[in-house]
Amino acid sequence: MDQIAIMADGRAPWFVGWGTLALINAGLAQGKNRSGLAWFLLSLLLGPIATLVLVLLPKVRSTLF
């Protein structure tokens, strides 16, 4: 019953968009050799702000050989 209330209230698209952004940020973080899980969780809290920070951060160099 609560899901119907959320969908009727119009908040469902926000949850879907926020979650999708968090997944995109996790993939972007892994591409920059950063923790995908950490950035996924951070993105759930900060959303687009985390995206901006992640885009501006440089890629981490690998320390292996």
PDB file of N, CA and C in Angstrom:
ATOM      1  N   MET A   1       0.811  -1.193   0.000  1.00  0.00           N
ATOM      2  CA  MET A   1       0.000   0.000   0.000  1.00  0.00           C
ATOM      3  C   MET A   1       0.861   1.266   0.000  1.00  0.00           C
ATOM      4  N   ASP A   2       2.008   1.215   0.698  1.00  0.00           N
ATOM      5  CA  ASP A   2       2.874   2.384   0.738  1.00  0.00           C
ATOM      6  C   ASP A   2       3.502   2.670  -0.624  1.00  0.00           C
ATOM      7  N   GLN A   3       3.813   1.626  -1.394  1.00  0.00           N
ATOM      8  CA  GLN A   3       4.396   1.833  -2.720  1.00  0.00           C
ATOM      9  C   GLN A   3       3.415   2.541  -3.635  1.00  0.00           C
ATOM     10  N   ILE A   4       2.176   2.208  -3.527  1.00  0.00           N
ATOM     11  CA  ILE A   4       1.159   2.867  -4.338  1.00  0.00           C
ATOM     12  C   ILE A   4       1.066   4.335  -3.961  1.00  0.00           C
ATOM     13  N   ALA A   5       1.167   4.623  -2.671  1.00  0.00           N
ATOM     14  CA  ALA A   5       1.110   6.009  -2.217  1.00  0.00           C
ATOM     15  C   ALA A   5       2.309   6.798  -2.722  1.00  0.00           C
ATOM     16  N   ILE A   6       3.490   6.184  -2.710  1.00  0.00           N
ATOM     17  CA  ILE A   6       4.686   6.865  -3.205  1.00  0.00           C
ATOM     18  C   ILE A   6       4.559   7.137  -4.693  1.00  0.00           C
ATOM     19  N   MET A   7       4.106   6.142  -5.454  1.00  0.00           N
ATOM     20  CA  MET A   7       3.971   6.321  -6.900  1.00  0.00           C
ATOM     21  C   MET A   7       2.906   7.350  -7.228  1.00  0.00           C
ATOM     22  N   ALA A   8       1.825   7.357  -6.474  1.00  0.00           N
ATOM     23  CA  ALA A   8       0.760   8.316  -6.723  1.00  0.00           C
ATOM     24  C   ALA A   8       1.202   9.727  -6.353  1.00  0.00           C
ATOM     25  N   ASP A   9       2.121   9.822  -5.397  1.00  0.00           N
ATOM     26  CA  ASP A   9       2.606  11.116  -4.945  1.00  0.00           C
ATOM     27  C   ASP A   9       3.627  11.707  -5.921  1.00  0.00           C
ATOM     28  N   GLY A  10       4.183  10.878  -6.810  1.00  0.00           N
ATOM     29  CA  GLY A  10       5.131  11.375  -7.796  1.00  0.00           C
ATOM     30  C   GLY A  10       6.574  11.295  -7.362  1.00  0.00           C
ATOM     31  N   ARG A  11       6.872  10.640  -6.237  1.00  0.00           N
ATOM     32  CA  ARG A  11       8.243  10.544  -5.762  1.00  0.00           C
ATOM     33  C   ARG A  11       8.997   9.376  -6.370  1.00  0.00           C
ATOM     34  N   ALA A  12       8.318   8.418  -6.958  1.00  0.00           N
ATOM     35  CA  ALA A  12       8.972   7.228  -7.502  1.00  0.00           C
ATOM     36  C   ALA A  12      10.024   7.577  -8.561  1.00  0.00           C
ATOM     37  N   PRO A  13       9.763   8.472  -9.493  1.00  0.00           N
ATOM     38  CA  PRO A  13      10.803   8.806 -10.479  1.00  0.00           C
ATOM     39  C   PRO A  13      12.068   9.379  -9.844  1.00  0.00           C
ATOM     40  N   TRP A  14      11.929  10.109  -8.741  1.00  0.00           N
ATOM     41  CA  TRP A  14      13.103  10.656  -8.052  1.00  0.00           C
ATOM     42  C   TRP A  14      13.967   9.537  -7.484  1.00  0.00           C
ATOM     43  N   PHE A  15      13.322   8.538  -6.879  1.00  0.00           N
ATOM     44  CA  PHE A  15      14.066   7.412  -6.317  1.00  0.00           C
ATOM     45  C   PHE A  15      14.782   6.631  -7.408  1.00  0.00           C
ATOM     46  N   VAL A  16      14.117   6.418  -8.511  1.00  0.00           N
ATOM     47  CA  VAL A  16      14.714   5.678  -9.626  1.00  0.00           C
ATOM     48  C   VAL A  16      15.882   6.470 -10.210  1.00  0.00           C
ATOM     49  N   GLY A  17      15.713   7.741 -10.410  1.00  0.00           N
ATOM     50  CA  GLY A  17      16.774   8.579 -10.963  1.00  0.00           C
ATOM     51  C   GLY A  17      17.973   8.681 -10.044  1.00  0.00           C
ATOM     52  N   TRP A  18      17.706   8.810  -8.742  1.00  0.00           N
ATOM     53  CA  TRP A  18      18.787   8.927  -7.757  1.00  0.00           C
ATOM     54  C   TRP A  18      19.583   7.624  -7.701  1.00  0.00           C
ATOM     55  N   GLY A  19      18.880   6.499  -7.738  1.00  0.00           N
ATOM     56  CA  GLY A  19      19.542   5.197  -7.720  1.00  0.00           C
ATOM     57  C   GLY A  19      20.350   4.952  -8.989  1.00  0.00           C
ATOM     58  N   THR A  20      19.805   5.360 -10.114  1.00  0.00           N
ATOM     59  CA  THR A  20      20.523   5.214 -11.380  1.00  0.00           C
ATOM     60  C   THR A  20      21.787   6.060 -11.382  1.00  0.00           C
ATOM     61  N   LEU A  21      21.697   7.267 -10.875  1.00  0.00           N
ATOM     62  CA  LEU A  21      22.868   8.137 -10.780  1.00  0.00           C
ATOM     63  C   LEU A  21      23.930   7.509  -9.887  1.00  0.00           C
ATOM     64  N   ALA A  22      23.519   6.883  -8.795  1.00  0.00           N
ATOM     65  CA  ALA A  22      24.465   6.229  -7.895  1.00  0.00           C
ATOM     66  C   ALA A  22      25.181   5.077  -8.602  1.00  0.00           C
ATOM     67  N   LEU A  23      24.459   4.327  -9.416  1.00  0.00           N
ATOM     68  CA  LEU A  23      25.085   3.235 -10.175  1.00  0.00           C
ATOM     69  C   LEU A  23      26.059   3.775 -11.223  1.00  0.00           C
ATOM     70  N   ILE A  24      25.689   4.836 -11.884  1.00  0.00           N
ATOM     71  CA  ILE A  24      26.571   5.461 -12.873  1.00  0.00           C
ATOM     72  C   ILE A  24      27.845   5.961 -12.189  1.00  0.00           C
ATOM     73  N   ASN A  25      27.691   6.575 -11.029  1.00  0.00           N
ATOM     74  CA  ASN A  25      28.850   7.076 -10.288  1.00  0.00           C
ATOM     75  C   ASN A  25      29.761   5.939  -9.848  1.00  0.00           C
ATOM     76  N   ALA A  26      29.186   4.807  -9.472  1.00  0.00           N
ATOM     77  CA  ALA A  26      30.003   3.652  -9.077  1.00  0.00           C
ATOM     78  C   ALA A  26      30.848   3.187 -10.260  1.00  0.00           C
ATOM     79  N   GLY A  27      30.268   3.120 -11.429  1.00  0.00           N
ATOM     80  CA  GLY A  27      31.015   2.734 -12.622  1.00  0.00           C
ATOM     81  C   GLY A  27      32.080   3.756 -12.985  1.00  0.00           C
ATOM     82  N   LEU A  28      31.753   5.029 -12.861  1.00  0.00           N
ATOM     83  CA  LEU A  28      32.712   6.094 -13.134  1.00  0.00           C
ATOM     84  C   LEU A  28      33.872   6.029 -12.149  1.00  0.00           C
ATOM     85  N   ALA A  29      33.573   5.753 -10.895  1.00  0.00           N
ATOM     86  CA  ALA A  29      34.619   5.643  -9.874  1.00  0.00           C
ATOM     87  C   ALA A  29      35.555   4.478 -10.172  1.00  0.00           C
ATOM     88  N   GLN A  30      34.996   3.360 -10.566  1.00  0.00           N
ATOM     89  CA  GLN A  30      35.836   2.206 -10.883  1.00  0.00           C
ATOM     90  C   GLN A  30      36.714   2.483 -12.095  1.00  0.00           C
ATOM     91  N   GLY A  31      36.206   3.257 -13.018  1.00  0.00           N
ATOM     92  CA  GLY A  31      37.009   3.647 -14.175  1.00  0.00           C
ATOM     93  C   GLY A  31      38.176   4.547 -13.804  1.00  0.00           C
ATOM     94  N   LYS A  32      38.071   5.207 -12.648  1.00  0.00           N
ATOM     95  CA  LYS A  32      39.153   6.060 -12.155  1.00  0.00           C
ATOM     96  C   LYS A  32      39.943   5.369 -11.049  1.00  0.00           C
ATOM     97  N   ASN A  33      39.831   4.043 -10.983  1.00  0.00           N
ATOM     98  CA  ASN A  33      40.530   3.220  -9.992  1.00  0.00           C
ATOM     99  C   ASN A  33      40.185   3.613  -8.559  1.00  0.00           C
ATOM    100  N   ARG A  34      38.940   3.922  -8.322  1.00  0.00           N
ATOM    101  CA  ARG A  34      38.451   4.243  -6.982  1.00  0.00           C
ATOM    102  C   ARG A  34      37.397   3.208  -6.591  1.00  0.00           C
ATOM    103  N   SER A  35      37.031   3.191  -5.330  1.00  0.00           N
ATOM    104  CA  SER A  35      36.081   2.207  -4.823  1.00  0.00           C
ATOM    105  C   SER A  35      34.672   2.489  -5.346  1.00  0.00           C
ATOM    106  N   GLY A  36      34.148   1.553  -6.124  1.00  0.00           N
ATOM    107  CA  GLY A  36      32.801   1.711  -6.656  1.00  0.00           C
ATOM    108  C   GLY A  36      31.748   1.681  -5.558  1.00  0.00           C
ATOM    109  N   LEU A  37      31.923   0.783  -4.582  1.00  0.00           N
ATOM    110  CA  LEU A  37      30.958   0.678  -3.489  1.00  0.00           C
ATOM    111  C   LEU A  37      30.928   1.948  -2.649  1.00  0.00           C
ATOM    112  N   ALA A  38      32.086   2.472  -2.323  1.00  0.00           N
ATOM    113  CA  ALA A  38      32.146   3.697  -1.513  1.00  0.00           C
ATOM    114  C   ALA A  38      31.468   4.863  -2.238  1.00  0.00           C
ATOM    115  N   TRP A  39      31.737   4.983  -3.535  1.00  0.00           N
ATOM    116  CA  TRP A  39      31.139   6.075  -4.294  1.00  0.00           C
ATOM    117  C   TRP A  39      29.651   5.855  -4.542  1.00  0.00           C
ATOM    118  N   PHE A  40      29.231   4.596  -4.632  1.00  0.00           N
ATOM    119  CA  PHE A  40      27.805   4.304  -4.738  1.00  0.00           C
ATOM    120  C   PHE A  40      27.081   4.796  -3.483  1.00  0.00           C
ATOM    121  N   LEU A  41      27.614   4.447  -2.322  1.00  0.00           N
ATOM    122  CA  LEU A  41      26.988   4.858  -1.057  1.00  0.00           C
ATOM    123  C   LEU A  41      27.046   6.376  -0.874  1.00  0.00           C
ATOM    124  N   LEU A  42      28.176   6.960  -1.233  1.00  0.00           N
ATOM    125  CA  LEU A  42      28.304   8.418  -1.144  1.00  0.00           C
ATOM    126  C   LEU A  42      27.314   9.108  -2.083  1.00  0.00           C
ATOM    127  N   SER A  43      27.112   8.525  -3.241  1.00  0.00           N
ATOM    128  CA  SER A  43      26.186   9.093  -4.221  1.00  0.00           C
ATOM    129  C   SER A  43      24.737   9.005  -3.750  1.00  0.00           C
ATOM    130  N   LEU A  44      24.418   7.976  -2.991  1.00  0.00           N
ATOM    131  CA  LEU A  44      23.067   7.884  -2.433  1.00  0.00           C
ATOM    132  C   LEU A  44      22.798   9.043  -1.482  1.00  0.00           C
ATOM    133  N   LEU A  45      23.839   9.513  -0.818  1.00  0.00           N
ATOM    134  CA  LEU A  45      23.687  10.633   0.119  1.00  0.00           C
ATOM    135  C   LEU A  45      23.762  11.994  -0.574  1.00  0.00           C
ATOM    136  N   LEU A  46      24.703  12.135  -1.500  1.00  0.00           N
ATOM    137  CA  LEU A  46      24.981  13.450  -2.091  1.00  0.00           C
ATOM    138  C   LEU A  46      24.448  13.652  -3.502  1.00  0.00           C
ATOM    139  N   GLY A  47      24.165  12.561  -4.201  1.00  0.00           N
ATOM    140  CA  GLY A  47      23.592  12.647  -5.542  1.00  0.00           C
ATOM    141  C   GLY A  47      24.474  13.375  -6.530  1.00  0.00           C
ATOM    142  N   PRO A  48      23.954  14.399  -7.183  1.00  0.00           N
ATOM    143  CA  PRO A  48      24.696  15.106  -8.236  1.00  0.00           C
ATOM    144  C   PRO A  48      25.975  15.783  -7.743  1.00  0.00           C
ATOM    145  N   ILE A  49      26.037  16.124  -6.473  1.00  0.00           N
ATOM    146  CA  ILE A  49      27.255  16.733  -5.928  1.00  0.00           C
ATOM    147  C   ILE A  49      28.395  15.716  -5.970  1.00  0.00           C
ATOM    148  N   ALA A  50      28.094  14.458  -5.634  1.00  0.00           N
ATOM    149  CA  ALA A  50      29.107  13.406  -5.713  1.00  0.00           C
ATOM    150  C   ALA A  50      29.567  13.207  -7.153  1.00  0.00           C
ATOM    151  N   THR A  51      28.657  13.328  -8.092  1.00  0.00           N
ATOM    152  CA  THR A  51      29.017  13.204  -9.510  1.00  0.00           C
ATOM    153  C   THR A  51      30.011  14.293  -9.900  1.00  0.00           C
ATOM    154  N   LEU A  52      29.735  15.500  -9.508  1.00  0.00           N
ATOM    155  CA  LEU A  52      30.622  16.617  -9.826  1.00  0.00           C
ATOM    156  C   LEU A  52      32.001  16.405  -9.222  1.00  0.00           C
ATOM    157  N   VAL A  53      32.046  16.007  -7.957  1.00  0.00           N
ATOM    158  CA  VAL A  53      33.335  15.763  -7.296  1.00  0.00           C
ATOM    159  C   VAL A  53      34.090  14.650  -8.003  1.00  0.00           C
ATOM    160  N   LEU A  54      33.396  13.592  -8.327  1.00  0.00           N
ATOM    161  CA  LEU A  54      34.026  12.441  -8.971  1.00  0.00           C
ATOM    162  C   LEU A  54      34.567  12.797 -10.350  1.00  0.00           C
ATOM    163  N   VAL A  55      33.846  13.592 -11.088  1.00  0.00           N
ATOM    164  CA  VAL A  55      34.301  14.003 -12.424  1.00  0.00           C
ATOM    165  C   VAL A  55      35.549  14.875 -12.326  1.00  0.00           C
ATOM    166  N   LEU A  56      35.622  15.699 -11.297  1.00  0.00           N
ATOM    167  CA  LEU A  56      36.758  16.611 -11.153  1.00  0.00           C
ATOM    168  C   LEU A  56      37.999  15.939 -10.578  1.00  0.00           C
ATOM    169  N   LEU A  57      37.841  14.806  -9.889  1.00  0.00           N
ATOM    170  CA  LEU A  57      38.985  14.107  -9.307  1.00  0.00           C
ATOM    171  C   LEU A  57      39.816  13.434 -10.397  1.00  0.00           C
ATOM    172  N   PRO A  58      41.132  13.446 -10.239  1.00  0.00           N
ATOM    173  CA  PRO A  58      41.976  12.770 -11.218  1.00  0.00           C
ATOM    174  C   PRO A  58      41.926  11.254 -11.014  1.00  0.00           C
ATOM    175  N   LYS A  59      42.345  10.538 -12.039  1.00  0.00           N
ATOM    176  CA  LYS A  59      42.413   9.084 -11.959  1.00  0.00           C
ATOM    177  C   LYS A  59      43.544   8.685 -11.028  1.00  0.00           C
ATOM    178  N   VAL A  60      43.296   7.687 -10.173  1.00  0.00           N
ATOM    179  CA  VAL A  60      44.303   7.203  -9.245  1.00  0.00           C
ATOM    180  C   VAL A  60      45.236   6.271 -10.005  1.00  0.00           C
ATOM    181  N   ARG A  61      46.527   6.504  -9.858  1.00  0.00           N
ATOM    182  CA  ARG A  61      47.509   5.654 -10.526  1.00  0.00           C
ATOM    183  C   ARG A  61      47.629   4.328  -9.799  1.00  0.00           C
ATOM    184  N   SER A  62      47.792   3.295 -10.558  1.00  0.00           N
ATOM    185  CA  SER A  62      47.988   1.973  -9.987  1.00  0.00           C
ATOM    186  C   SER A  62      49.396   1.864  -9.431  1.00  0.00           C
ATOM    187  N   THR A  63      49.551   1.263  -8.233  1.00  0.00           N
ATOM    188  CA  THR A  63      50.864   1.143  -7.618  1.00  0.00           C
ATOM    189  C   THR A  63      51.541  -0.186  -7.951  1.00  0.00           C
ATOM    190  N   LEU A  64      50.886  -1.001  -8.753  1.00  0.00           N
ATOM    191  CA  LEU A  64      51.469  -2.278  -9.141  1.00  0.00           C
ATOM    192  C   LEU A  64      52.430  -2.081 -10.296  1.00  0.00           C
ATOM    193  N   PHE A  65      53.655  -2.407 -10.087  1.00  0.00           N
ATOM    194  CA  PHE A  65      54.709  -2.388 -11.098  1.00  0.00           C
ATOM    195  C   PHE A  65      54.517  -1.288 -12.082  1.00  0.00           C
TER     196      PHE A  65
END
